[in-house]
Amino acid sequence: MAEIPAEKSVVLDAKGLRALAHPVRVQLLGLLRLHGPATATQLADRLGLNSGATSYHLRQLAAAGFVAEDAERGNARERWWRSVHQLTRFNSEDLAEREPEAALAYLQSVHNAYTLRTQQALNGLQTLPRPWREAFNMSDTTLRLTPAEAREMQEGIWSVIDRYRRASGGEEPEGAERVWVNIQVLPDVDIAEQGAES
């Protein structure tokens, strides 16, 4: 299986973090990555927005380097947009400390997108074929880990995911469909409270 090439992913810097600190922009970028190039009008229809607001958010994403005009599809009346990358990485504690409000807004926007996707999946669950209903899983567990163990566990989970990731255009087995895999490693908020008391 194939890992996403480095040139297809982007690591957030301060400018990118601020650009994605808006839930509509996170959703727009996700739609372009998932469904390919689209116009502001098409994207607005999917999100229930007006095309003017959608165009504004697309220009903000373009200014930060996340999307670009798809010149092959555009014409004088219609601007098509495409995603520049397939994956966004946010892994800098230093950046989060320098830009705490933008970091929190970005993470909340990502969480909102995950919540919406989960609700859509639940709404359609009963209409899925039985094999997919049986493959459905939504569960959680509580572990007692050190920060190093939590990072090690995340790396192990990602290595499993990478085994199933297929290169773009690669051959898929019969019956393969898109599935969403969300990973959340959330330290208990009591950790912060205990740290404040000591």
C-alpha atoms as a PDB file:
ATOM      1  CA  MET A   1       0.000   0.000   0.000  1.00  0.00           C
ATOM      2  CA  ALA A   2       1.137   3.552  -0.607  1.00  0.00           C
ATOM      3  CA  GLU A   3       1.746   6.405   1.773  1.00  0.00           C
ATOM      4  CA  ILE A   4       0.766   9.880   0.560  1.00  0.00           C
ATOM      5  CA  PRO A   5       3.890  11.394  -1.074  1.00  0.00           C
ATOM      6  CA  ALA A   6       5.444  14.384   0.714  1.00  0.00           C
ATOM      7  CA  GLU A   7       4.665  16.701  -2.214  1.00  0.00           C
ATOM      8  CA  LYS A   8       0.956  15.856  -1.828  1.00  0.00           C
ATOM      9  CA  SER A   9       0.882  16.912   1.827  1.00  0.00           C
ATOM     10  CA  VAL A  10       1.386  20.243   3.551  1.00  0.00           C
ATOM     11  CA  VAL A  11       2.575  21.006   7.079  1.00  0.00           C
ATOM     12  CA  LEU A  12       0.733  23.968   8.543  1.00  0.00           C
ATOM     13  CA  ASP A  13       2.650  27.167   9.171  1.00  0.00           C
ATOM     14  CA  ALA A  14       1.200  30.257  10.914  1.00  0.00           C
ATOM     15  CA  LYS A  15      -0.344  31.634   7.714  1.00  0.00           C
ATOM     16  CA  GLY A  16      -1.928  28.303   6.819  1.00  0.00           C
ATOM     17  CA  LEU A  17      -3.165  27.774  10.355  1.00  0.00           C
ATOM     18  CA  ARG A  18      -4.915  31.149  10.358  1.00  0.00           C
ATOM     19  CA  ALA A  19      -6.418  30.450   6.917  1.00  0.00           C
ATOM     20  CA  LEU A  20      -7.883  27.140   8.092  1.00  0.00           C
ATOM     21  CA  ALA A  21      -9.151  28.541  11.393  1.00  0.00           C
ATOM     22  CA  HIS A  22     -12.616  28.800   9.827  1.00  0.00           C
ATOM     23  CA  PRO A  23     -15.010  25.831   9.585  1.00  0.00           C
ATOM     24  CA  VAL A  24     -16.205  26.695   6.063  1.00  0.00           C
ATOM     25  CA  ARG A  25     -12.634  26.657   4.743  1.00  0.00           C
ATOM     26  CA  VAL A  26     -11.935  23.273   6.311  1.00  0.00           C
ATOM     27  CA  GLN A  27     -15.108  21.928   4.659  1.00  0.00           C
ATOM     28  CA  LEU A  28     -14.301  23.498   1.265  1.00  0.00           C
ATOM     29  CA  LEU A  29     -10.808  22.054   1.261  1.00  0.00           C
ATOM     30  CA  GLY A  30     -12.177  18.649   2.234  1.00  0.00           C
ATOM     31  CA  LEU A  31     -14.726  18.704  -0.604  1.00  0.00           C
ATOM     32  CA  LEU A  32     -12.094  19.626  -3.187  1.00  0.00           C
ATOM     33  CA  ARG A  33      -9.811  16.859  -1.954  1.00  0.00           C
ATOM     34  CA  LEU A  34     -12.578  14.302  -1.954  1.00  0.00           C
ATOM     35  CA  HIS A  35     -14.518  15.150  -5.126  1.00  0.00           C
ATOM     36  CA  GLY A  36     -11.948  17.020  -7.227  1.00  0.00           C
ATOM     37  CA  PRO A  37     -12.173  20.410  -8.927  1.00  0.00           C
ATOM     38  CA  ALA A  38     -15.361  22.434  -8.572  1.00  0.00           C
ATOM     39  CA  THR A  39     -16.746  25.944  -8.958  1.00  0.00           C
ATOM     40  CA  ALA A  40     -17.728  28.178  -6.067  1.00  0.00           C
ATOM     41  CA  THR A  41     -21.371  27.710  -7.053  1.00  0.00           C
ATOM     42  CA  GLN A  42     -21.100  23.907  -6.935  1.00  0.00           C
ATOM     43  CA  LEU A  43     -19.369  24.035  -3.555  1.00  0.00           C
ATOM     44  CA  ALA A  44     -21.882  26.560  -2.210  1.00  0.00           C
ATOM     45  CA  ASP A  45     -24.733  24.242  -3.170  1.00  0.00           C
ATOM     46  CA  ARG A  46     -23.121  21.340  -1.310  1.00  0.00           C
ATOM     47  CA  LEU A  47     -22.655  23.421   1.849  1.00  0.00           C
ATOM     48  CA  GLY A  48     -25.878  25.415   1.705  1.00  0.00           C
ATOM     49  CA  LEU A  49     -24.025  28.732   1.371  1.00  0.00           C
ATOM     50  CA  ASN A  50     -24.189  31.561  -1.140  1.00  0.00           C
ATOM     51  CA  SER A  51     -21.591  31.565  -3.902  1.00  0.00           C
ATOM     52  CA  GLY A  52     -20.237  34.996  -2.913  1.00  0.00           C
ATOM     53  CA  ALA A  53     -19.227  33.813   0.560  1.00  0.00           C
ATOM     54  CA  THR A  54     -17.855  30.605  -0.914  1.00  0.00           C
ATOM     55  CA  SER A  55     -15.762  32.561  -3.454  1.00  0.00           C
ATOM     56  CA  TYR A  56     -14.359  34.692  -0.642  1.00  0.00           C
ATOM     57  CA  HIS A  57     -13.302  31.634   1.362  1.00  0.00           C
ATOM     58  CA  LEU A  58     -11.774  30.012  -1.735  1.00  0.00           C
ATOM     59  CA  ARG A  59      -9.684  33.142  -2.361  1.00  0.00           C
ATOM     60  CA  GLN A  60      -8.474  33.027   1.245  1.00  0.00           C
ATOM     61  CA  LEU A  61      -7.498  29.370   0.798  1.00  0.00           C
ATOM     62  CA  ALA A  62      -5.723  30.254  -2.456  1.00  0.00           C
ATOM     63  CA  ALA A  63      -3.786  33.073  -0.774  1.00  0.00           C
ATOM     64  CA  ALA A  64      -2.523  30.538   1.779  1.00  0.00           C
ATOM     65  CA  GLY A  65      -1.564  28.011  -0.925  1.00  0.00           C
ATOM     66  CA  PHE A  66      -4.196  25.338  -0.209  1.00  0.00           C
ATOM     67  CA  VAL A  67      -6.194  25.683  -3.432  1.00  0.00           C
ATOM     68  CA  ALA A  68      -5.487  26.985  -6.917  1.00  0.00           C
ATOM     69  CA  GLU A  69      -7.502  27.837  -9.975  1.00  0.00           C
ATOM     70  CA  ASP A  70      -7.932  24.921 -12.340  1.00  0.00           C
ATOM     71  CA  ALA A  71      -7.100  26.785 -15.547  1.00  0.00           C
ATOM     72  CA  GLU A  72      -7.880  23.767 -17.741  1.00  0.00           C
ATOM     73  CA  ARG A  73     -11.534  23.889 -16.711  1.00  0.00           C
ATOM     74  CA  GLY A  74     -12.148  27.594 -16.214  1.00  0.00           C
ATOM     75  CA  ASN A  75     -13.517  30.131 -18.655  1.00  0.00           C
ATOM     76  CA  ALA A  76     -14.429  33.824 -18.593  1.00  0.00           C
ATOM     77  CA  ARG A  77     -17.632  33.157 -16.653  1.00  0.00           C
ATOM     78  CA  GLU A  78     -16.626  30.292 -14.393  1.00  0.00           C
ATOM     79  CA  ARG A  79     -13.647  29.785 -12.098  1.00  0.00           C
ATOM     80  CA  TRP A  80     -12.846  26.220 -11.175  1.00  0.00           C
ATOM     81  CA  TRP A  81     -10.811  25.442  -8.063  1.00  0.00           C
ATOM     82  CA  ARG A  82      -8.702  22.432  -7.134  1.00  0.00           C
ATOM     83  CA  SER A  83      -6.884  21.343  -4.013  1.00  0.00           C
ATOM     84  CA  VAL A  84      -3.100  21.690  -4.147  1.00  0.00           C
ATOM     85  CA  HIS A  85      -2.455  18.970  -1.521  1.00  0.00           C
ATOM     86  CA  GLN A  86      -4.197  15.780  -0.414  1.00  0.00           C
ATOM     87  CA  LEU A  87      -3.275  15.945   3.267  1.00  0.00           C
ATOM     88  CA  THR A  88      -2.752  18.639   5.891  1.00  0.00           C
ATOM     89  CA  ARG A  89      -0.453  17.988   8.829  1.00  0.00           C
ATOM     90  CA  PHE A  90      -0.524  20.003  12.055  1.00  0.00           C
ATOM     91  CA  ASN A  91       2.229  18.748  14.300  1.00  0.00           C
ATOM     92  CA  SER A  92       4.004  21.748  15.781  1.00  0.00           C
ATOM     93  CA  GLU A  93       3.543  22.452  19.470  1.00  0.00           C
ATOM     94  CA  ASP A  94       5.644  25.603  18.995  1.00  0.00           C
ATOM     95  CA  LEU A  95       3.193  26.882  16.392  1.00  0.00           C
ATOM     96  CA  ALA A  96       0.244  26.113  18.666  1.00  0.00           C
ATOM     97  CA  GLU A  97       1.913  28.098  21.459  1.00  0.00           C
ATOM     98  CA  ARG A  98       2.646  31.061  19.139  1.00  0.00           C
ATOM     99  CA  GLU A  99      -0.865  31.033  17.625  1.00  0.00           C
ATOM    100  CA  PRO A 100      -3.103  29.637  20.399  1.00  0.00           C
ATOM    101  CA  GLU A 101      -6.379  31.188  19.189  1.00  0.00           C
ATOM    102  CA  ALA A 102      -5.839  30.114  15.563  1.00  0.00           C
ATOM    103  CA  ALA A 103      -4.736  26.626  16.664  1.00  0.00           C
ATOM    104  CA  LEU A 104      -7.840  26.174  18.802  1.00  0.00           C
ATOM    105  CA  ALA A 105     -10.124  27.534  16.057  1.00  0.00           C
ATOM    106  CA  TYR A 106      -8.521  25.195  13.501  1.00  0.00           C
ATOM    107  CA  LEU A 107      -8.896  22.131  15.734  1.00  0.00           C
ATOM    108  CA  GLN A 108     -12.515  23.064  16.494  1.00  0.00           C
ATOM    109  CA  SER A 109     -13.183  23.418  12.753  1.00  0.00           C
ATOM    110  CA  VAL A 110     -11.695  19.976  12.098  1.00  0.00           C
ATOM    111  CA  HIS A 111     -13.732  18.524  14.952  1.00  0.00           C
ATOM    112  CA  ASN A 112     -16.913  20.092  13.537  1.00  0.00           C
ATOM    113  CA  ALA A 113     -16.178  18.529  10.129  1.00  0.00           C
ATOM    114  CA  TYR A 114     -15.663  15.120  11.783  1.00  0.00           C
ATOM    115  CA  THR A 115     -18.896  15.504  13.750  1.00  0.00           C
ATOM    116  CA  LEU A 116     -20.857  16.369  10.598  1.00  0.00           C
ATOM    117  CA  ARG A 117     -19.373  13.395   8.748  1.00  0.00           C
ATOM    118  CA  THR A 118     -20.205  11.069  11.649  1.00  0.00           C
ATOM    119  CA  GLN A 119     -23.802  12.311  11.753  1.00  0.00           C
ATOM    120  CA  GLN A 120     -24.176  11.813   7.999  1.00  0.00           C
ATOM    121  CA  ALA A 121     -22.870   8.250   8.340  1.00  0.00           C
ATOM    122  CA  LEU A 122     -25.280   7.510  11.186  1.00  0.00           C
ATOM    123  CA  ASN A 123     -28.204   8.983   9.247  1.00  0.00           C
ATOM    124  CA  GLY A 124     -27.501   6.625   6.341  1.00  0.00           C
ATOM    125  CA  LEU A 125     -26.431   3.577   8.341  1.00  0.00           C
ATOM    126  CA  GLN A 126     -29.682   1.615   7.995  1.00  0.00           C
ATOM    127  CA  THR A 127     -29.688   2.025   4.208  1.00  0.00           C
ATOM    128  CA  LEU A 128     -26.232   0.471   3.800  1.00  0.00           C
ATOM    129  CA  PRO A 129     -25.850  -3.130   2.619  1.00  0.00           C
ATOM    130  CA  ARG A 130     -25.535  -5.582   5.498  1.00  0.00           C
ATOM    131  CA  PRO A 131     -21.766  -6.248   5.022  1.00  0.00           C
ATOM    132  CA  TRP A 132     -21.085  -2.525   5.485  1.00  0.00           C
ATOM    133  CA  ARG A 133     -23.395  -2.302   8.516  1.00  0.00           C
ATOM    134  CA  GLU A 134     -21.456  -5.210  10.026  1.00  0.00           C
ATOM    135  CA  ALA A 135     -18.139  -3.459   9.267  1.00  0.00           C
ATOM    136  CA  PHE A 136     -19.335  -0.241  10.921  1.00  0.00           C
ATOM    137  CA  ASN A 137     -17.611   0.551  14.196  1.00  0.00           C
ATOM    138  CA  MET A 138     -17.856   3.477  16.552  1.00  0.00           C
ATOM    139  CA  SER A 139     -16.248   2.755  19.887  1.00  0.00           C
ATOM    140  CA  ASP A 140     -13.892   4.153  22.464  1.00  0.00           C
ATOM    141  CA  THR A 141     -11.713   2.990  25.303  1.00  0.00           C
ATOM    142  CA  THR A 142      -9.744   4.539  28.125  1.00  0.00           C
ATOM    143  CA  LEU A 143      -6.063   3.735  28.603  1.00  0.00           C
ATOM    144  CA  ARG A 144      -3.433   4.860  31.085  1.00  0.00           C
ATOM    145  CA  LEU A 145      -0.412   5.909  28.999  1.00  0.00           C
ATOM    146  CA  THR A 146       2.642   8.106  29.212  1.00  0.00           C
ATOM    147  CA  PRO A 147       2.981  10.828  26.547  1.00  0.00           C
ATOM    148  CA  ALA A 148       5.664   8.689  24.869  1.00  0.00           C
ATOM    149  CA  GLU A 149       3.348   5.660  24.816  1.00  0.00           C
ATOM    150  CA  ALA A 150       0.526   7.774  23.359  1.00  0.00           C
ATOM    151  CA  ARG A 151       2.819   8.921  20.521  1.00  0.00           C
ATOM    152  CA  GLU A 152       4.031   5.349  19.957  1.00  0.00           C
ATOM    153  CA  MET A 153       0.433   4.107  19.783  1.00  0.00           C
ATOM    154  CA  GLN A 154      -0.451   6.798  17.217  1.00  0.00           C
ATOM    155  CA  GLU A 155       2.516   5.799  15.055  1.00  0.00           C
ATOM    156  CA  GLY A 156       1.399   2.169  15.233  1.00  0.00           C
ATOM    157  CA  ILE A 157      -2.161   3.076  14.221  1.00  0.00           C
ATOM    158  CA  TRP A 158      -0.875   5.124  11.279  1.00  0.00           C
ATOM    159  CA  SER A 159       1.338   2.274  10.119  1.00  0.00           C
ATOM    160  CA  VAL A 160      -1.752   0.030   9.996  1.00  0.00           C
ATOM    161  CA  ILE A 161      -3.681   2.697   8.055  1.00  0.00           C
ATOM    162  CA  ASP A 162      -0.784   3.090   5.618  1.00  0.00           C
ATOM    163  CA  ARG A 163      -0.972  -0.654   4.857  1.00  0.00           C
ATOM    164  CA  TYR A 164      -4.476  -0.095   3.496  1.00  0.00           C
ATOM    165  CA  ARG A 165      -3.847   3.209   1.718  1.00  0.00           C
ATOM    166  CA  ARG A 166      -3.822   2.769  -2.055  1.00  0.00           C
ATOM    167  CA  ALA A 167      -1.929   4.977  -4.445  1.00  0.00           C
ATOM    168  CA  SER A 168      -4.090   7.276  -6.528  1.00  0.00           C
ATOM    169  CA  GLY A 169      -5.212   5.335  -9.588  1.00  0.00           C
ATOM    170  CA  GLY A 170      -4.048   2.060  -8.069  1.00  0.00           C
ATOM    171  CA  GLU A 171      -6.068  -1.109  -8.472  1.00  0.00           C
ATOM    172  CA  GLU A 172      -8.678  -1.678  -5.786  1.00  0.00           C
ATOM    173  CA  PRO A 173     -10.144  -5.037  -4.818  1.00  0.00           C
ATOM    174  CA  GLU A 174     -13.734  -5.745  -5.818  1.00  0.00           C
ATOM    175  CA  GLY A 175     -16.204  -4.228  -3.369  1.00  0.00           C
ATOM    176  CA  ALA A 176     -13.845  -1.500  -2.145  1.00  0.00           C
ATOM    177  CA  GLU A 177     -15.630   1.680  -1.088  1.00  0.00           C
ATOM    178  CA  ARG A 178     -14.503   4.852   0.659  1.00  0.00           C
ATOM    179  CA  VAL A 179     -14.458   4.651   4.465  1.00  0.00           C
ATOM    180  CA  TRP A 180     -13.603   7.354   6.976  1.00  0.00           C
ATOM    181  CA  VAL A 181     -11.120   6.579   9.734  1.00  0.00           C
ATOM    182  CA  ASN A 182     -10.964   9.173  12.500  1.00  0.00           C
ATOM    183  CA  ILE A 183      -8.198   9.012  15.092  1.00  0.00           C
ATOM    184  CA  GLN A 184      -8.470  10.933  18.316  1.00  0.00           C
ATOM    185  CA  VAL A 185      -6.035  10.596  21.178  1.00  0.00           C
ATOM    186  CA  LEU A 186      -7.499  12.934  23.769  1.00  0.00           C
ATOM    187  CA  PRO A 187      -5.734  13.397  27.104  1.00  0.00           C
ATOM    188  CA  ASP A 188      -8.236  13.560  29.956  1.00  0.00           C
ATOM    189  CA  VAL A 189      -8.809  17.180  30.990  1.00  0.00           C
ATOM    190  CA  ASP A 190      -8.045  16.139  34.577  1.00  0.00           C
ATOM    191  CA  ILE A 191      -4.361  16.081  33.534  1.00  0.00           C
ATOM    192  CA  ALA A 192      -4.371  19.844  33.039  1.00  0.00           C
ATOM    193  CA  GLU A 193      -6.242  20.404  36.306  1.00  0.00           C
ATOM    194  CA  GLN A 194      -3.789  18.227  38.236  1.00  0.00           C
ATOM    195  CA  GLY A 195      -0.867  20.122  36.700  1.00  0.00           C
ATOM    196  CA  ALA A 196      -2.381  23.437  37.773  1.00  0.00           C
ATOM    197  CA  GLU A 197      -2.752  22.236  41.371  1.00  0.00           C
ATOM    198  CA  SER A 198       0.876  21.091  41.768  1.00  0.00           C
END
